[in-house]
């Protein structure tokens, strides 16, 4: 296991993320897919991996249910991937999903929401809410405890988890037991932010009003009434300020929350959990928070 992010990057044999600002988006997605594939090494085996199709308002939505054990009435952890709204898919975060299944004992429900800029807000939020309704209605047949579920999201996925939870609150619908989030990108298109961040937000928002309610930018919303939020972020992440501002607003809204900063880690470091020791520890801490939400014992310890 590597101890620094730089060592982990060097171990990827030259694979680098795609850059939609420097190349056509399909080329950027192809490069990003190769990068994700390089990260998905040493993926733990699971007892269950079922692919489903949910009929949604914008077309079919692929959903994968993953579990390390076959049990009935199991809590569900709804997984929303990062990758800037524009990249990734049902397999891109396979290592993280399988490790979460092993570490939490939950059924992981990974939602393959549509990508920007071809599909913009509120398409992604609509699809997440649609899948949540499907999980509630089909929970017993899927082996789920229909009233025990939480969100896990990273980066854009953390933003979507927050937005979807705010939409549920505003519709007086059942809320998750909690949100476990890594490095949320939740401040919207701010002046002075990185060109990539500006592009990500404009690609996602299109002509949508960032102040719409229920809106796409969590830091523009009233956060009162949210369930507990756990925030993990790298101390070297350019989005660290977003996470800290979110924590401050949660404090003012009297929402239980906890922030953990991981020294020397950049954005998206958790995806390196196969080879980077701090990323493995971060994922284990997040899994411990999930187990705490459901009062569950430690399920498995992953090999070093």
Protein backbone atom coordinates (compact mmCIF):
# COMPACT_ATOMS: atom_id res chain seq x y z
CA UNK A 1 0.00 0.00 0.00
CA UNK A 2 1.24 3.47 -0.86
CA UNK A 3 1.41 6.14 1.83
CA UNK A 4 1.23 9.25 -0.39
CA UNK A 5 -1.06 10.22 -3.22
CA UNK A 6 1.92 10.97 -5.43
CA UNK A 7 3.15 7.39 -5.05
CA UNK A 8 -0.29 6.06 -5.90
CA UNK A 9 -0.45 8.19 -9.04
CA UNK A 10 2.96 6.97 -10.15
CA UNK A 11 1.71 3.41 -9.80
CA UNK A 12 -0.97 3.96 -12.46
CA UNK A 13 1.48 3.51 -15.35
CA UNK A 14 0.80 6.89 -16.87
CA UNK A 15 -3.00 6.78 -16.77
CA UNK A 16 -4.48 10.26 -16.18
CA UNK A 17 -8.02 11.62 -15.93
CA UNK A 18 -9.75 13.02 -19.00
CA UNK A 19 -10.00 16.79 -19.45
CA UNK A 20 -13.18 18.00 -21.20
CA UNK A 21 -11.69 21.50 -21.44
CA UNK A 22 -8.73 20.27 -23.49
CA UNK A 23 -10.32 17.61 -25.71
CA UNK A 24 -13.71 16.61 -27.14
CA UNK A 25 -15.97 15.27 -24.43
CA UNK A 26 -16.19 11.74 -25.86
CA UNK A 27 -12.40 11.54 -25.95
CA UNK A 28 -12.29 12.87 -22.38
CA UNK A 29 -14.82 10.23 -21.30
CA UNK A 30 -12.80 7.47 -22.94
CA UNK A 31 -9.64 8.58 -21.17
CA UNK A 32 -11.56 8.93 -17.90
CA UNK A 33 -12.90 5.39 -18.32
CA UNK A 34 -9.38 4.03 -18.75
CA UNK A 35 -8.33 5.95 -15.64
CA UNK A 36 -11.22 4.47 -13.64
CA UNK A 37 -10.34 1.00 -14.91
CA UNK A 38 -6.76 1.44 -13.66
CA UNK A 39 -8.12 2.35 -10.21
CA UNK A 40 -10.45 -0.65 -10.01
CA UNK A 41 -7.84 -3.21 -8.99
CA UNK A 42 -8.14 -5.79 -6.24
CA UNK A 43 -11.93 -5.43 -6.20
CA UNK A 44 -13.36 -7.58 -3.37
CA UNK A 45 -15.69 -10.43 -4.29
CA UNK A 46 -19.35 -10.04 -3.37
CA UNK A 47 -22.19 -12.50 -2.85
CA UNK A 48 -24.67 -10.45 -4.83
CA UNK A 49 -24.47 -8.17 -7.87
CA UNK A 50 -27.81 -7.69 -9.58
CA UNK A 51 -28.48 -5.31 -12.45
CA UNK A 52 -31.93 -3.76 -12.75
CA UNK A 53 -33.63 -1.27 -15.04
CA UNK A 54 -35.96 1.32 -13.53
CA UNK A 55 -38.38 3.09 -15.85
CA UNK A 56 -37.76 6.78 -15.33
CA UNK A 57 -39.10 10.13 -16.53
CA UNK A 58 -36.23 10.51 -19.01
CA UNK A 59 -35.80 6.87 -20.03
CA UNK A 60 -34.45 3.68 -18.47
CA UNK A 61 -32.18 4.05 -15.41
CA UNK A 62 -29.63 1.28 -14.75
CA UNK A 63 -29.30 0.35 -11.07
CA UNK A 64 -26.94 -2.22 -9.58
CA UNK A 65 -27.54 -3.83 -6.18
CA UNK A 66 -24.36 -5.16 -4.56
CA UNK A 67 -24.00 -6.99 -1.24
CA UNK A 68 -21.29 -9.03 0.45
CA UNK A 69 -23.86 -11.28 2.14
CA UNK A 70 -27.28 -12.58 1.10
CA UNK A 71 -29.66 -11.56 3.84
CA UNK A 72 -33.22 -10.29 4.10
CA UNK A 73 -34.30 -6.88 5.40
CA UNK A 74 -30.84 -5.37 4.90
CA UNK A 75 -30.23 -1.61 5.11
CA UNK A 76 -29.62 0.05 1.76
CA UNK A 77 -26.82 2.51 1.00
CA UNK A 78 -27.66 4.53 -2.11
CA UNK A 79 -24.41 5.23 -3.97
CA UNK A 80 -24.03 8.32 -6.17
CA UNK A 81 -20.76 8.52 -8.08
CA UNK A 82 -18.63 11.58 -8.64
CA UNK A 83 -16.92 12.48 -11.96
CA UNK A 84 -18.23 16.00 -12.44
CA UNK A 85 -21.73 15.01 -13.64
CA UNK A 86 -20.19 14.33 -17.09
CA UNK A 87 -18.28 11.04 -16.75
CA UNK A 88 -18.48 7.64 -15.10
CA UNK A 89 -21.08 4.92 -15.26
CA UNK A 90 -22.33 1.77 -13.59
CA UNK A 91 -18.82 0.21 -13.49
CA UNK A 92 -16.59 3.24 -12.98
CA UNK A 93 -16.60 3.09 -9.16
CA UNK A 94 -16.74 -0.69 -8.84
CA UNK A 95 -13.94 -0.89 -6.27
CA UNK A 96 -15.56 1.67 -3.98
CA UNK A 97 -18.98 0.01 -4.26
CA UNK A 98 -17.68 -3.48 -3.48
CA UNK A 99 -15.56 -2.23 -0.58
CA UNK A 100 -18.53 -0.39 0.88
CA UNK A 101 -20.61 -3.56 0.64
CA UNK A 102 -17.94 -5.50 2.54
CA UNK A 103 -17.35 -2.82 5.17
CA UNK A 104 -20.95 -1.78 5.88
CA UNK A 105 -23.01 -4.96 5.43
CA UNK A 106 -25.51 -2.88 3.45
CA UNK A 107 -26.94 -3.54 0.06
CA UNK A 108 -25.32 -0.87 -2.11
CA UNK A 109 -27.70 0.58 -4.71
CA UNK A 110 -25.57 2.28 -7.36
CA UNK A 111 -27.59 4.59 -9.62
CA UNK A 112 -26.30 5.21 -13.14
CA UNK A 113 -27.81 8.67 -13.56
CA UNK A 114 -27.55 10.42 -16.93
CA UNK A 115 -24.54 12.57 -17.72
CA UNK A 116 -24.17 16.26 -18.43
CA UNK A 117 -24.05 18.26 -20.65
CA UNK A 118 -26.37 16.13 -22.81
CA UNK A 119 -28.70 15.88 -19.81
CA UNK A 120 -28.95 18.77 -17.37
CA UNK A 121 -30.60 19.64 -14.10
CA UNK A 122 -33.12 18.44 -13.00
CA UNK A 123 -32.68 15.20 -15.00
CA UNK A 124 -30.17 13.64 -12.58
CA UNK A 125 -32.21 14.60 -9.51
CA UNK A 126 -35.40 13.30 -11.14
CA UNK A 127 -33.73 9.96 -11.79
CA UNK A 128 -32.44 9.62 -8.24
CA UNK A 129 -35.87 10.37 -6.80
CA UNK A 130 -37.42 7.87 -9.22
CA UNK A 131 -35.03 5.11 -8.12
CA UNK A 132 -35.68 5.91 -4.46
CA UNK A 133 -39.42 5.45 -5.05
CA UNK A 134 -38.67 2.12 -6.79
CA UNK A 135 -36.50 0.96 -3.88
CA UNK A 136 -39.28 1.80 -1.43
CA UNK A 137 -41.98 0.04 -3.47
CA UNK A 138 -39.90 -3.04 -4.30
CA UNK A 139 -37.83 -3.17 -1.13
CA UNK A 140 -39.25 -6.38 0.32
CA UNK A 141 -38.77 -8.27 -2.95
CA UNK A 142 -35.22 -6.91 -3.23
CA UNK A 143 -34.29 -8.08 0.28
CA UNK A 144 -34.15 -4.55 1.67
CA UNK A 145 -35.31 -3.02 4.90
CA UNK A 146 -37.45 -0.38 3.21
CA UNK A 147 -37.20 2.09 6.10
CA UNK A 148 -33.43 1.80 6.62
CA UNK A 149 -31.44 3.62 3.96
CA UNK A 150 -28.81 6.32 3.62
CA UNK A 151 -26.91 8.21 0.92
CA UNK A 152 -23.24 7.84 0.03
CA UNK A 153 -21.93 10.35 -2.47
CA UNK A 154 -18.64 11.82 -3.57
CA UNK A 155 -18.01 15.12 -5.36
CA UNK A 156 -20.87 15.59 -7.87
CA UNK A 157 -22.57 12.58 -6.28
CA UNK A 158 -22.39 14.25 -2.87
CA UNK A 159 -24.01 17.33 -4.39
CA UNK A 160 -26.78 15.20 -5.87
CA UNK A 161 -27.31 13.44 -2.53
CA UNK A 162 -27.78 16.79 -0.82
CA UNK A 163 -30.09 18.11 -3.55
CA UNK A 164 -32.21 14.96 -3.58
CA UNK A 165 -32.53 15.00 0.20
CA UNK A 166 -33.61 18.65 0.15
CA UNK A 167 -36.22 17.77 -2.50
CA UNK A 168 -37.53 14.92 -0.34
CA UNK A 169 -37.73 17.26 2.64
CA UNK A 170 -39.64 19.87 0.66
CA UNK A 171 -42.08 17.20 -0.56
CA UNK A 172 -42.60 15.86 2.97
CA UNK A 173 -41.27 12.45 1.96
CA UNK A 174 -39.20 10.01 3.99
CA UNK A 175 -35.60 11.13 4.48
CA UNK A 176 -32.47 8.98 4.60
CA UNK A 177 -31.04 8.01 7.97
CA UNK A 178 -28.03 10.15 7.07
CA UNK A 179 -25.69 11.36 4.36
CA UNK A 180 -22.09 10.18 4.14
CA UNK A 181 -20.34 12.50 1.72
CA UNK A 182 -16.84 13.00 0.37
CA UNK A 183 -15.66 16.37 -0.97
CA UNK A 184 -19.02 17.81 -2.06
CA UNK A 185 -19.03 20.27 -4.97
CA UNK A 186 -21.96 22.21 -3.60
CA UNK A 187 -21.28 25.94 -4.09
CA UNK A 188 -22.35 26.43 -7.69
CA UNK A 189 -20.59 28.42 -10.43
CA UNK A 190 -18.60 30.96 -8.44
CA UNK A 191 -16.49 33.77 -9.80
CA UNK A 192 -12.80 33.07 -9.37
CA UNK A 193 -13.20 29.29 -9.18
CA UNK A 194 -11.18 26.99 -11.43
CA UNK A 195 -12.15 26.91 -15.14
CA UNK A 196 -12.93 23.21 -14.80
CA UNK A 197 -15.31 23.87 -11.90
CA UNK A 198 -17.03 26.63 -13.87
CA UNK A 199 -17.43 24.27 -16.84
CA UNK A 200 -18.79 21.46 -14.65
CA UNK A 201 -21.48 23.66 -13.19
CA UNK A 202 -22.51 25.30 -16.46
CA UNK A 203 -22.67 21.89 -18.13
CA UNK A 204 -24.93 20.62 -15.35
CA UNK A 205 -27.10 23.69 -14.90
CA UNK A 206 -27.64 24.81 -18.47
CA UNK A 207 -30.20 27.59 -18.20
CA UNK A 208 -31.49 26.49 -14.79
CA UNK A 209 -31.71 29.10 -12.05
CA UNK A 210 -29.17 28.16 -9.34
CA UNK A 211 -31.53 29.68 -6.76
CA UNK A 212 -34.48 27.49 -7.80
CA UNK A 213 -36.25 25.56 -5.05
CA UNK A 214 -35.70 22.65 -4.81
CA UNK A 215 -32.49 23.81 -6.42
CA UNK A 216 -29.32 22.26 -7.74
CA UNK A 217 -26.89 24.22 -5.55
CA UNK A 218 -27.12 23.02 -1.92
CA UNK A 219 -25.32 26.05 -0.46
CA UNK A 220 -28.09 28.25 -1.89
CA UNK A 221 -30.76 26.33 0.01
CA UNK A 222 -32.21 26.35 3.52
CA UNK A 223 -30.57 23.31 5.13
CA UNK A 224 -32.86 23.00 8.13
CA UNK A 225 -34.40 19.58 8.66
CA UNK A 226 -31.65 17.54 7.04
CA UNK A 227 -30.63 14.23 8.64
CA UNK A 228 -27.09 13.82 10.07
CA UNK A 229 -24.28 14.57 7.61
CA UNK A 230 -20.75 13.13 7.69
CA UNK A 231 -18.24 15.03 5.54
CA UNK A 232 -14.84 13.70 4.46
CA UNK A 233 -12.44 15.90 2.50
CA UNK A 234 -8.79 16.14 1.59
CA UNK A 235 -6.80 18.97 3.12
CA UNK A 236 -5.36 19.71 -0.37
CA UNK A 237 -8.71 19.60 -2.18
CA UNK A 238 -9.68 22.79 -4.06
CA UNK A 239 -13.25 22.03 -2.92
CA UNK A 240 -12.28 22.02 0.77
CA UNK A 241 -13.80 25.49 1.14
CA UNK A 242 -17.15 24.15 -0.09
CA UNK A 243 -17.12 21.41 2.55
CA UNK A 244 -16.21 23.82 5.32
CA UNK A 245 -18.86 26.32 4.25
CA UNK A 246 -21.39 23.50 4.15
CA UNK A 247 -20.38 22.49 7.69
CA UNK A 248 -20.86 26.07 8.87
CA UNK A 249 -24.32 26.26 7.34
CA UNK A 250 -25.26 22.89 8.81
CA UNK A 251 -24.16 24.21 12.20
CA UNK A 252 -26.39 27.28 11.84
CA UNK A 253 -29.27 25.07 10.69
CA UNK A 254 -28.85 22.83 13.78
CA UNK A 255 -28.16 19.77 11.61
CA UNK A 256 -25.95 17.12 13.30
CA UNK A 257 -22.75 16.84 11.31
CA UNK A 258 -19.12 15.80 11.50
CA UNK A 259 -16.19 16.90 9.34
CA UNK A 260 -13.00 14.87 8.85
CA UNK A 261 -10.03 16.34 6.99
CA UNK A 262 -7.45 13.92 5.61
CA UNK A 263 -3.94 15.45 5.54
CA UNK A 264 -2.16 15.84 2.19
CA UNK A 265 -5.06 14.34 0.22
CA UNK A 266 -6.41 15.99 -2.98
CA UNK A 267 -9.82 15.73 -4.59
CA UNK A 268 -11.20 12.26 -5.44
CA UNK A 269 -8.55 10.44 -3.39
CA UNK A 270 -10.97 7.80 -2.04
CA UNK A 271 -11.06 6.06 -5.41
CA UNK A 272 -7.44 5.03 -4.76
CA UNK A 273 -8.44 2.83 -1.79
CA UNK A 274 -7.03 -0.27 -3.50
CA UNK A 275 -3.46 1.01 -3.24
CA UNK A 276 -3.40 4.17 -1.07
CA UNK A 277 -3.44 3.63 2.68
CA UNK A 278 -5.00 7.02 3.66
CA UNK A 279 -7.78 6.41 1.15
CA UNK A 280 -8.44 2.97 2.62
CA UNK A 281 -8.63 4.49 6.11
CA UNK A 282 -10.97 7.21 4.89
CA UNK A 283 -13.33 4.66 3.35
CA UNK A 284 -13.25 2.61 6.55
CA UNK A 285 -14.15 5.70 8.59
CA UNK A 286 -17.03 6.46 6.24
CA UNK A 287 -18.23 2.85 6.50
CA UNK A 288 -18.10 3.07 10.28
CA UNK A 289 -20.42 6.08 10.08
CA UNK A 290 -22.83 4.10 7.89
CA UNK A 291 -22.84 1.25 10.42
CA UNK A 292 -23.47 3.74 13.20
CA UNK A 293 -26.51 5.08 11.36
CA UNK A 294 -27.99 1.58 11.31
CA UNK A 295 -26.48 0.40 14.61
CA UNK A 296 -24.70 -2.41 12.75
CA UNK A 297 -21.55 -4.30 13.84
CA UNK A 298 -18.33 -4.37 11.83
CA UNK A 299 -18.93 -6.68 8.89
CA UNK A 300 -15.54 -7.36 7.33
CA UNK A 301 -12.00 -6.08 7.41
CA UNK A 302 -10.50 -5.74 3.97
CA UNK A 303 -7.05 -7.24 3.41
CA UNK A 304 -4.16 -4.78 3.38
